[in-house]
């Protein structure tokens, strides 16, 4: 998976920053407050999460492990996806967001665009008592031993499979097998990532 990105900022707009990592530009969506402190030319390490939907793969990035952990915890609530989780972190920093949940302050949460009072109450109901920002976020950037560590394309596909519910080891083996059988060039090119992901998913379906 792509657990972190360490690169140089090449562009910034209201919703995302482009990280240049060894010549590859990654679009990373970040909370508004963090984006306001990011400038073109900055060298920055972002703690990232890859979200895979039916028609897109989106990278979300955070300056701290605490923000990333909160982003993941929020999505454990049914009906809360990455966009709403990011909206919450754009409205309140992680520590204030955790305090609002602990103190059942639904009004503070409801200020996040796209949430609403009922959604805020649902977050409080499902997460109160379980929010813990002190623990380190799980390692989401394992390095495939059969490929060079700079193969970010392969890691992106593996993270996509894991986010869909597959075990990391199974995902790594499937991706390696697809790359070998399809004679894809490595490091895996950005344009090949969607095709390798589809082939890997198809291989899992055949094995059921």
Protein backbone atom coordinates (compact mmCIF):
# COMPACT_ATOMS: atom_id res chain seq x y z
CA UNK A 1 0.00 0.00 0.00
CA UNK A 2 0.98 3.64 -0.28
CA UNK A 3 1.22 4.48 3.41
CA UNK A 4 3.34 7.60 2.93
CA UNK A 5 4.54 9.92 0.17
CA UNK A 6 7.76 11.85 0.56
CA UNK A 7 8.15 14.36 -2.22
CA UNK A 8 8.24 17.95 -3.41
CA UNK A 9 5.04 19.95 -3.82
CA UNK A 10 4.55 20.96 -7.47
CA UNK A 11 1.05 22.47 -7.30
CA UNK A 12 -1.62 23.32 -4.73
CA UNK A 13 -5.27 24.23 -5.11
CA UNK A 14 -8.28 24.34 -2.82
CA UNK A 15 -8.66 20.58 -2.49
CA UNK A 16 -5.39 18.87 -3.29
CA UNK A 17 -1.63 19.07 -3.69
CA UNK A 18 0.54 17.39 -6.30
CA UNK A 19 3.53 15.54 -4.86
CA UNK A 20 6.49 14.92 -7.15
CA UNK A 21 8.03 11.61 -6.05
CA UNK A 22 10.99 10.60 -8.22
CA UNK A 23 9.42 12.24 -11.25
CA UNK A 24 5.90 10.85 -10.72
CA UNK A 25 3.18 13.35 -9.78
CA UNK A 26 0.61 12.15 -7.24
CA UNK A 27 -2.60 14.10 -6.66
CA UNK A 28 -3.27 14.02 -2.92
CA UNK A 29 -6.42 15.39 -1.35
CA UNK A 30 -5.79 16.98 2.05
CA UNK A 31 -7.77 18.80 4.78
CA UNK A 32 -8.25 22.51 4.08
CA UNK A 33 -6.28 23.62 7.12
CA UNK A 34 -3.27 21.56 6.12
CA UNK A 35 -3.44 22.68 2.49
CA UNK A 36 -3.29 26.30 3.61
CA UNK A 37 0.18 25.67 5.04
CA UNK A 38 1.53 23.83 1.97
CA UNK A 39 3.45 25.76 -0.68
CA UNK A 40 4.95 24.94 -4.06
CA UNK A 41 8.55 23.83 -3.62
CA UNK A 42 8.07 22.44 -0.11
CA UNK A 43 9.51 19.02 0.67
CA UNK A 44 6.78 17.18 2.53
CA UNK A 45 6.05 13.76 4.00
CA UNK A 46 2.34 12.89 3.88
CA UNK A 47 0.67 9.96 5.62
CA UNK A 48 -1.64 8.63 2.93
CA UNK A 49 -4.68 6.43 2.38
CA UNK A 50 -5.73 5.15 -1.05
CA UNK A 51 -9.48 5.02 -1.58
CA UNK A 52 -10.71 2.80 -4.42
CA UNK A 53 -14.21 3.24 -5.84
CA UNK A 54 -15.86 1.78 -8.90
CA UNK A 55 -14.55 4.49 -11.23
CA UNK A 56 -11.62 6.13 -9.44
CA UNK A 57 -8.64 5.73 -7.15
CA UNK A 58 -8.06 8.71 -4.85
CA UNK A 59 -5.14 9.41 -2.53
CA UNK A 60 -5.87 11.23 0.73
CA UNK A 61 -2.95 12.66 2.66
CA UNK A 62 -2.29 14.08 6.11
CA UNK A 63 0.64 15.73 7.84
CA UNK A 64 0.24 13.62 10.98
CA UNK A 65 -0.48 10.01 11.86
CA UNK A 66 -3.21 11.26 14.22
CA UNK A 67 -5.14 12.87 11.35
CA UNK A 68 -4.77 9.76 9.23
CA UNK A 69 -5.96 7.58 12.10
CA UNK A 70 -9.01 9.77 12.66
CA UNK A 71 -9.76 9.67 8.91
CA UNK A 72 -9.78 5.85 9.03
CA UNK A 73 -11.80 5.66 12.25
CA UNK A 74 -14.51 7.96 10.89
CA UNK A 75 -15.05 5.62 7.95
CA UNK A 76 -15.89 2.77 10.31
CA UNK A 77 -19.23 4.53 10.80
CA UNK A 78 -21.79 3.21 8.34
CA UNK A 79 -22.61 5.81 5.70
CA UNK A 80 -19.45 7.85 6.28
CA UNK A 81 -17.12 7.74 3.27
CA UNK A 82 -13.77 9.36 2.61
CA UNK A 83 -15.24 12.65 1.32
CA UNK A 84 -17.26 13.26 4.49
CA UNK A 85 -14.33 12.13 6.67
CA UNK A 86 -12.09 14.65 4.91
CA UNK A 87 -14.76 17.33 5.28
CA UNK A 88 -14.82 16.71 9.04
CA UNK A 89 -11.05 17.00 9.26
CA UNK A 90 -11.22 20.20 7.21
CA UNK A 91 -13.67 21.61 9.76
CA UNK A 92 -11.99 20.43 12.97
CA UNK A 93 -8.40 19.26 13.60
CA UNK A 94 -8.09 15.68 14.96
CA UNK A 95 -7.85 16.57 18.66
CA UNK A 96 -10.87 18.90 18.55
CA UNK A 97 -12.80 16.37 16.50
CA UNK A 98 -12.04 13.66 19.06
CA UNK A 99 -13.15 15.98 21.90
CA UNK A 100 -16.40 16.78 20.10
CA UNK A 101 -17.16 13.05 19.76
CA UNK A 102 -16.27 12.33 23.41
CA UNK A 103 -18.43 15.22 24.65
CA UNK A 104 -21.30 14.38 22.28
CA UNK A 105 -21.12 17.79 20.62
CA UNK A 106 -23.19 17.00 17.53
CA UNK A 107 -23.48 20.70 16.63
CA UNK A 108 -19.71 20.99 16.22
CA UNK A 109 -19.58 17.95 13.96
CA UNK A 110 -22.60 19.06 11.93
CA UNK A 111 -20.70 22.16 10.77
CA UNK A 112 -18.81 19.92 8.34
CA UNK A 113 -20.23 20.30 4.79
CA UNK A 114 -22.04 17.16 3.64
CA UNK A 115 -22.72 15.73 7.09
CA UNK A 116 -25.78 17.13 8.89
CA UNK A 117 -27.11 16.66 12.42
CA UNK A 118 -28.25 13.05 12.00
CA UNK A 119 -24.89 12.02 10.57
CA UNK A 120 -23.12 13.79 13.45
CA UNK A 121 -25.25 11.94 16.00
CA UNK A 122 -24.52 8.64 14.27
CA UNK A 123 -20.76 9.26 14.48
CA UNK A 124 -21.04 10.02 18.18
CA UNK A 125 -23.16 6.93 18.81
CA UNK A 126 -20.79 4.57 16.98
CA UNK A 127 -17.41 6.06 17.94
CA UNK A 128 -17.82 7.47 21.44
CA UNK A 129 -15.47 5.56 23.73
CA UNK A 130 -13.41 4.11 20.90
CA UNK A 131 -11.54 7.18 19.63
CA UNK A 132 -7.82 6.81 20.32
CA UNK A 133 -5.37 9.16 18.64
CA UNK A 134 -2.41 8.18 20.82
CA UNK A 135 -1.86 4.79 19.19
CA UNK A 136 0.16 4.69 16.02
CA UNK A 137 -1.78 4.15 12.84
CA UNK A 138 -1.33 0.68 11.39
CA UNK A 139 1.48 0.29 8.94
CA UNK A 140 -0.15 0.77 5.57
CA UNK A 141 2.99 0.79 3.49
CA UNK A 142 4.42 -2.72 3.39
CA UNK A 143 7.10 -3.16 0.79
CA UNK A 144 6.80 -6.06 -1.62
CA UNK A 145 9.89 -8.23 -1.24
CA UNK A 146 9.77 -9.49 -4.81
CA UNK A 147 9.89 -6.00 -6.36
CA UNK A 148 12.07 -2.94 -5.76
CA UNK A 149 10.75 -0.57 -3.07
CA UNK A 150 10.47 2.26 -5.59
CA UNK A 151 7.76 0.37 -7.53
CA UNK A 152 5.02 2.78 -6.42
CA UNK A 153 2.63 1.58 -9.13
CA UNK A 154 2.69 -1.97 -7.78
CA UNK A 155 2.21 -0.72 -4.23
CA UNK A 156 -0.77 1.34 -5.42
CA UNK A 157 -2.44 -1.76 -6.87
CA UNK A 158 -1.77 -3.76 -3.69
CA UNK A 159 -3.30 -1.02 -1.55
CA UNK A 160 -6.34 -0.96 -3.83
CA UNK A 161 -6.87 -4.70 -3.35
CA UNK A 162 -6.39 -4.50 0.41
CA UNK A 163 -8.90 -1.64 0.64
CA UNK A 164 -11.40 -3.94 -1.10
CA UNK A 165 -10.95 -6.58 1.59
CA UNK A 166 -8.14 -8.84 0.36
CA UNK A 167 -5.27 -9.85 2.64
CA UNK A 168 -2.01 -8.06 1.91
CA UNK A 169 -0.06 -11.26 1.25
CA UNK A 170 -2.71 -12.55 -1.16
CA UNK A 171 -2.86 -9.17 -2.91
CA UNK A 172 0.93 -9.02 -3.26
CA UNK A 173 1.10 -12.53 -4.73
CA UNK A 174 -1.77 -11.84 -7.16
CA UNK A 175 -0.23 -8.59 -8.39
CA UNK A 176 3.19 -10.18 -8.84
CA UNK A 177 1.61 -13.03 -10.79
CA UNK A 178 -0.38 -10.68 -13.04
CA UNK A 179 2.70 -8.55 -13.75
CA UNK A 180 4.76 -11.62 -14.64
CA UNK A 181 2.06 -13.25 -16.79
CA UNK A 182 1.21 -10.00 -18.57
CA UNK A 183 4.87 -9.05 -19.09
CA UNK A 184 4.24 -5.59 -17.65
CA UNK A 185 7.32 -3.39 -17.34
CA UNK A 186 8.57 -2.74 -13.82
CA UNK A 187 8.58 -0.45 -12.01
CA UNK A 188 4.90 -0.51 -12.96
CA UNK A 189 3.90 2.49 -15.05
CA UNK A 190 1.10 4.76 -13.83
CA UNK A 191 -1.01 4.04 -16.94
CA UNK A 192 -0.78 0.28 -16.28
CA UNK A 193 -2.11 0.48 -12.71
CA UNK A 194 -5.87 0.25 -13.55
CA UNK A 195 -5.34 -2.71 -15.91
CA UNK A 196 -3.20 -4.62 -13.41
CA UNK A 197 -5.81 -3.95 -10.72
CA UNK A 198 -8.60 -5.33 -12.93
CA UNK A 199 -6.55 -8.42 -13.84
CA UNK A 200 -5.70 -9.08 -10.22
CA UNK A 201 -9.37 -8.82 -9.23
CA UNK A 202 -10.27 -11.19 -12.06
CA UNK A 203 -7.69 -13.69 -10.80
CA UNK A 204 -9.29 -13.60 -7.36
CA UNK A 205 -12.73 -14.22 -8.89
CA UNK A 206 -11.40 -17.25 -10.77
CA UNK A 207 -10.00 -18.65 -7.56
CA UNK A 208 -13.29 -18.54 -5.68
